[in-house]
């Protein structure tokens, strides 16, 4: 009976250590997936805006193309069914998601259209990641500004 009790206690300690390692691996994989998704969203926005800039010369159509790409790509972060709004004018725009974390929009895209003749377009995406164990209070993940300067 004494040996059985010792085995149960050892199992409990080992089980806690193994489970904490296992859950940490899952949490870190979710965090890195979110980081990768933010970069992919920014690249997708810029690519769609660049293609639209080849077909039209109006800023509003290019920004609407960015909004559509943003909506489609937000599914990578499970935010595809949210509402999105565009703010800004004359070359500088901000697309925000209706889903809130920490009192701020969980997903934001910052778009700059500097020179349509050259196709000088850039976008940056900011996402607030909240994990189960890691960054429970939220952490901003942002892509560097992705730029497209040359035309296809």
C-alpha atoms as a PDB file:
ATOM      1  CA  UNK A   1       0.000   0.000   0.000  1.00  0.00           C
ATOM      2  CA  UNK A   2       2.891   2.338   0.819  1.00  0.00           C
ATOM      3  CA  UNK A   3       4.468   1.725  -2.623  1.00  0.00           C
ATOM      4  CA  UNK A   4       1.134   2.447  -4.364  1.00  0.00           C
ATOM      5  CA  UNK A   5       0.776   5.804  -2.576  1.00  0.00           C
ATOM      6  CA  UNK A   6       4.324   6.749  -3.522  1.00  0.00           C
ATOM      7  CA  UNK A   7       3.611   5.931  -7.184  1.00  0.00           C
ATOM      8  CA  UNK A   8       0.470   8.080  -7.153  1.00  0.00           C
ATOM      9  CA  UNK A   9       2.344  11.055  -5.709  1.00  0.00           C
ATOM     10  CA  UNK A  10       5.208  10.690  -8.209  1.00  0.00           C
ATOM     11  CA  UNK A  11       2.718  10.400 -11.069  1.00  0.00           C
ATOM     12  CA  UNK A  12       0.941  13.580  -9.942  1.00  0.00           C
ATOM     13  CA  UNK A  13       4.184  15.587  -9.946  1.00  0.00           C
ATOM     14  CA  UNK A  14       5.386  14.221 -13.267  1.00  0.00           C
ATOM     15  CA  UNK A  15       1.938  14.679 -14.820  1.00  0.00           C
ATOM     16  CA  UNK A  16       1.858  18.363 -13.797  1.00  0.00           C
ATOM     17  CA  UNK A  17       5.273  19.004 -15.307  1.00  0.00           C
ATOM     18  CA  UNK A  18       4.460  17.200 -18.546  1.00  0.00           C
ATOM     19  CA  UNK A  19       1.093  18.945 -18.912  1.00  0.00           C
ATOM     20  CA  UNK A  20       2.603  22.373 -18.312  1.00  0.00           C
ATOM     21  CA  UNK A  21       5.241  21.696 -20.986  1.00  0.00           C
ATOM     22  CA  UNK A  22       2.564  20.427 -23.383  1.00  0.00           C
ATOM     23  CA  UNK A  23       0.291  23.440 -22.828  1.00  0.00           C
ATOM     24  CA  UNK A  24       3.230  25.829 -23.200  1.00  0.00           C
ATOM     25  CA  UNK A  25       4.059  24.314 -26.585  1.00  0.00           C
ATOM     26  CA  UNK A  26       0.442  24.767 -27.712  1.00  0.00           C
ATOM     27  CA  UNK A  27       0.360  28.372 -26.471  1.00  0.00           C
ATOM     28  CA  UNK A  28       3.611  29.293 -28.214  1.00  0.00           C
ATOM     29  CA  UNK A  29       2.438  27.706 -31.458  1.00  0.00           C
ATOM     30  CA  UNK A  30      -0.766  29.794 -31.334  1.00  0.00           C
ATOM     31  CA  UNK A  31       1.268  32.955 -30.705  1.00  0.00           C
ATOM     32  CA  UNK A  32       3.622  32.292 -33.641  1.00  0.00           C
ATOM     33  CA  UNK A  33       0.660  31.430 -35.849  1.00  0.00           C
ATOM     34  CA  UNK A  34      -0.858  34.823 -35.030  1.00  0.00           C
ATOM     35  CA  UNK A  35       2.445  36.593 -35.820  1.00  0.00           C
ATOM     36  CA  UNK A  36       2.685  34.809 -39.160  1.00  0.00           C
ATOM     37  CA  UNK A  37      -0.973  35.555 -39.966  1.00  0.00           C
ATOM     38  CA  UNK A  38      -0.476  39.294 -39.331  1.00  0.00           C
ATOM     39  CA  UNK A  39       2.380  39.364 -41.865  1.00  0.00           C
ATOM     40  CA  UNK A  40       0.303  37.427 -44.389  1.00  0.00           C
ATOM     41  CA  UNK A  41      -2.617  39.829 -43.998  1.00  0.00           C
ATOM     42  CA  UNK A  42      -0.384  42.853 -44.645  1.00  0.00           C
ATOM     43  CA  UNK A  43       1.133  41.197 -47.725  1.00  0.00           C
ATOM     44  CA  UNK A  44      -2.315  40.271 -49.047  1.00  0.00           C
ATOM     45  CA  UNK A  45      -3.603  43.834 -48.620  1.00  0.00           C
ATOM     46  CA  UNK A  46      -0.656  45.363 -50.452  1.00  0.00           C
ATOM     47  CA  UNK A  47      -0.822  42.815 -53.266  1.00  0.00           C
ATOM     48  CA  UNK A  48      -4.532  43.466 -53.843  1.00  0.00           C
ATOM     49  CA  UNK A  49      -4.067  47.235 -53.693  1.00  0.00           C
ATOM     50  CA  UNK A  50      -1.202  47.027 -56.184  1.00  0.00           C
ATOM     51  CA  UNK A  51      -3.298  44.982 -58.603  1.00  0.00           C
ATOM     52  CA  UNK A  52      -6.198  47.428 -58.244  1.00  0.00           C
ATOM     53  CA  UNK A  53      -3.819  50.357 -58.803  1.00  0.00           C
ATOM     54  CA  UNK A  54      -2.890  48.836 -62.164  1.00  0.00           C
ATOM     55  CA  UNK A  55      -6.554  48.862 -63.234  1.00  0.00           C
ATOM     56  CA  UNK A  56      -7.768  52.177 -61.803  1.00  0.00           C
ATOM     57  CA  UNK A  57      -6.443  55.523 -60.690  1.00  0.00           C
ATOM     58  CA  UNK A  58      -8.980  56.336 -57.984  1.00  0.00           C
ATOM     59  CA  UNK A  59      -7.956  56.064 -54.370  1.00  0.00           C
ATOM     60  CA  UNK A  60     -11.407  55.025 -53.205  1.00  0.00           C
ATOM     61  CA  UNK A  61     -11.414  51.897 -55.380  1.00  0.00           C
ATOM     62  CA  UNK A  62      -7.933  50.971 -54.178  1.00  0.00           C
ATOM     63  CA  UNK A  63      -8.947  51.400 -50.535  1.00  0.00           C
ATOM     64  CA  UNK A  64     -12.094  49.333 -51.105  1.00  0.00           C
ATOM     65  CA  UNK A  65      -9.882  46.638 -52.600  1.00  0.00           C
ATOM     66  CA  UNK A  66      -7.776  46.787 -49.417  1.00  0.00           C
ATOM     67  CA  UNK A  67     -10.920  46.482 -47.299  1.00  0.00           C
ATOM     68  CA  UNK A  68     -12.074  43.398 -49.216  1.00  0.00           C
ATOM     69  CA  UNK A  69      -8.655  41.777 -48.899  1.00  0.00           C
ATOM     70  CA  UNK A  70      -8.610  42.635 -45.188  1.00  0.00           C
ATOM     71  CA  UNK A  71     -12.028  41.023 -44.637  1.00  0.00           C
ATOM     72  CA  UNK A  72     -11.003  37.841 -46.438  1.00  0.00           C
ATOM     73  CA  UNK A  73      -7.621  37.584 -44.728  1.00  0.00           C
ATOM     74  CA  UNK A  74      -9.028  38.261 -41.247  1.00  0.00           C
ATOM     75  CA  UNK A  75     -10.265  34.691 -41.281  1.00  0.00           C
ATOM     76  CA  UNK A  76      -6.692  33.668 -40.465  1.00  0.00           C
ATOM     77  CA  UNK A  77      -7.293  35.193 -37.028  1.00  0.00           C
ATOM     78  CA  UNK A  78     -10.918  34.005 -36.750  1.00  0.00           C
ATOM     79  CA  UNK A  79     -12.262  37.515 -37.337  1.00  0.00           C
ATOM     80  CA  UNK A  80     -13.832  37.031 -40.767  1.00  0.00           C
ATOM     81  CA  UNK A  81     -17.420  37.629 -39.620  1.00  0.00           C
ATOM     82  CA  UNK A  82     -16.766  40.965 -37.915  1.00  0.00           C
ATOM     83  CA  UNK A  83     -17.680  44.422 -39.226  1.00  0.00           C
ATOM     84  CA  UNK A  84     -14.925  46.647 -40.605  1.00  0.00           C
ATOM     85  CA  UNK A  85     -14.838  50.415 -41.028  1.00  0.00           C
ATOM     86  CA  UNK A  86     -12.573  52.732 -43.018  1.00  0.00           C
ATOM     87  CA  UNK A  87     -11.435  56.090 -41.653  1.00  0.00           C
ATOM     88  CA  UNK A  88      -9.140  58.657 -43.219  1.00  0.00           C
ATOM     89  CA  UNK A  89      -8.614  60.517 -46.457  1.00  0.00           C
ATOM     90  CA  UNK A  90      -6.025  61.796 -48.926  1.00  0.00           C
ATOM     91  CA  UNK A  91      -3.585  58.932 -48.841  1.00  0.00           C
ATOM     92  CA  UNK A  92      -3.758  57.804 -45.217  1.00  0.00           C
ATOM     93  CA  UNK A  93      -6.432  55.319 -44.146  1.00  0.00           C
ATOM     94  CA  UNK A  94      -7.208  53.149 -41.156  1.00  0.00           C
ATOM     95  CA  UNK A  95      -9.365  50.015 -41.331  1.00  0.00           C
ATOM     96  CA  UNK A  96     -10.622  48.802 -37.951  1.00  0.00           C
ATOM     97  CA  UNK A  97     -12.394  45.672 -36.785  1.00  0.00           C
ATOM     98  CA  UNK A  98     -15.508  45.859 -34.609  1.00  0.00           C
ATOM     99  CA  UNK A  99     -14.191  43.134 -32.260  1.00  0.00           C
ATOM    100  CA  UNK A 100     -12.617  44.786 -29.198  1.00  0.00           C
ATOM    101  CA  UNK A 101      -9.776  43.664 -26.923  1.00  0.00           C
ATOM    102  CA  UNK A 102      -8.578  45.865 -24.073  1.00  0.00           C
ATOM    103  CA  UNK A 103     -10.945  48.602 -25.245  1.00  0.00           C
ATOM    104  CA  UNK A 104      -9.283  48.789 -28.673  1.00  0.00           C
ATOM    105  CA  UNK A 105      -9.982  47.222 -32.028  1.00  0.00           C
ATOM    106  CA  UNK A 106      -8.443  43.739 -32.104  1.00  0.00           C
ATOM    107  CA  UNK A 107      -7.313  44.083 -35.728  1.00  0.00           C
ATOM    108  CA  UNK A 108      -6.272  47.301 -37.474  1.00  0.00           C
ATOM    109  CA  UNK A 109      -4.753  48.000 -40.892  1.00  0.00           C
ATOM    110  CA  UNK A 110      -2.929  51.262 -41.589  1.00  0.00           C
ATOM    111  CA  UNK A 111      -2.763  52.086 -45.289  1.00  0.00           C
ATOM    112  CA  UNK A 112      -0.723  54.762 -47.049  1.00  0.00           C
ATOM    113  CA  UNK A 113      -1.062  55.657 -50.696  1.00  0.00           C
ATOM    114  CA  UNK A 114       1.699  58.156 -51.396  1.00  0.00           C
ATOM    115  CA  UNK A 115       1.948  58.262 -55.164  1.00  0.00           C
ATOM    116  CA  UNK A 116      -0.491  56.426 -57.413  1.00  0.00           C
ATOM    117  CA  UNK A 117       1.534  57.112 -60.556  1.00  0.00           C
ATOM    118  CA  UNK A 118       4.470  55.166 -59.127  1.00  0.00           C
ATOM    119  CA  UNK A 119       2.295  52.697 -57.230  1.00  0.00           C
ATOM    120  CA  UNK A 120       3.853  53.751 -53.910  1.00  0.00           C
ATOM    121  CA  UNK A 121       1.541  51.857 -51.550  1.00  0.00           C
ATOM    122  CA  UNK A 122       2.179  50.521 -48.051  1.00  0.00           C
ATOM    123  CA  UNK A 123       0.195  48.778 -45.326  1.00  0.00           C
ATOM    124  CA  UNK A 124       0.828  47.745 -41.734  1.00  0.00           C
ATOM    125  CA  UNK A 125      -1.372  45.470 -39.645  1.00  0.00           C
ATOM    126  CA  UNK A 126      -1.735  45.482 -35.853  1.00  0.00           C
ATOM    127  CA  UNK A 127      -3.380  42.637 -33.922  1.00  0.00           C
ATOM    128  CA  UNK A 128      -3.925  42.330 -30.172  1.00  0.00           C
ATOM    129  CA  UNK A 129      -3.135  38.746 -29.176  1.00  0.00           C
ATOM    130  CA  UNK A 130      -4.540  37.397 -25.918  1.00  0.00           C
ATOM    131  CA  UNK A 131      -3.426  33.946 -24.925  1.00  0.00           C
ATOM    132  CA  UNK A 132      -4.575  31.419 -22.384  1.00  0.00           C
ATOM    133  CA  UNK A 133      -1.378  31.502 -20.326  1.00  0.00           C
ATOM    134  CA  UNK A 134       0.922  33.792 -22.267  1.00  0.00           C
ATOM    135  CA  UNK A 135      -0.027  37.474 -22.632  1.00  0.00           C
ATOM    136  CA  UNK A 136      -3.403  37.146 -20.923  1.00  0.00           C
ATOM    137  CA  UNK A 137      -3.674  40.937 -20.758  1.00  0.00           C
ATOM    138  CA  UNK A 138      -2.981  41.169 -24.481  1.00  0.00           C
ATOM    139  CA  UNK A 139       0.058  41.929 -26.582  1.00  0.00           C
ATOM    140  CA  UNK A 140       0.176  43.881 -29.811  1.00  0.00           C
ATOM    141  CA  UNK A 141       1.576  42.017 -32.783  1.00  0.00           C
ATOM    142  CA  UNK A 142       2.358  44.247 -35.727  1.00  0.00           C
ATOM    143  CA  UNK A 143       3.742  43.736 -39.180  1.00  0.00           C
ATOM    144  CA  UNK A 144       6.328  46.114 -40.432  1.00  0.00           C
ATOM    145  CA  UNK A 145       5.041  48.345 -43.179  1.00  0.00           C
ATOM    146  CA  UNK A 146       4.834  46.232 -46.317  1.00  0.00           C
ATOM    147  CA  UNK A 147       5.546  48.345 -49.374  1.00  0.00           C
ATOM    148  CA  UNK A 148       4.979  47.969 -53.068  1.00  0.00           C
ATOM    149  CA  UNK A 149       6.815  50.611 -55.064  1.00  0.00           C
ATOM    150  CA  UNK A 150       7.268  49.182 -58.548  1.00  0.00           C
ATOM    151  CA  UNK A 151       4.481  48.268 -60.933  1.00  0.00           C
ATOM    152  CA  UNK A 152       3.995  44.795 -62.352  1.00  0.00           C
END
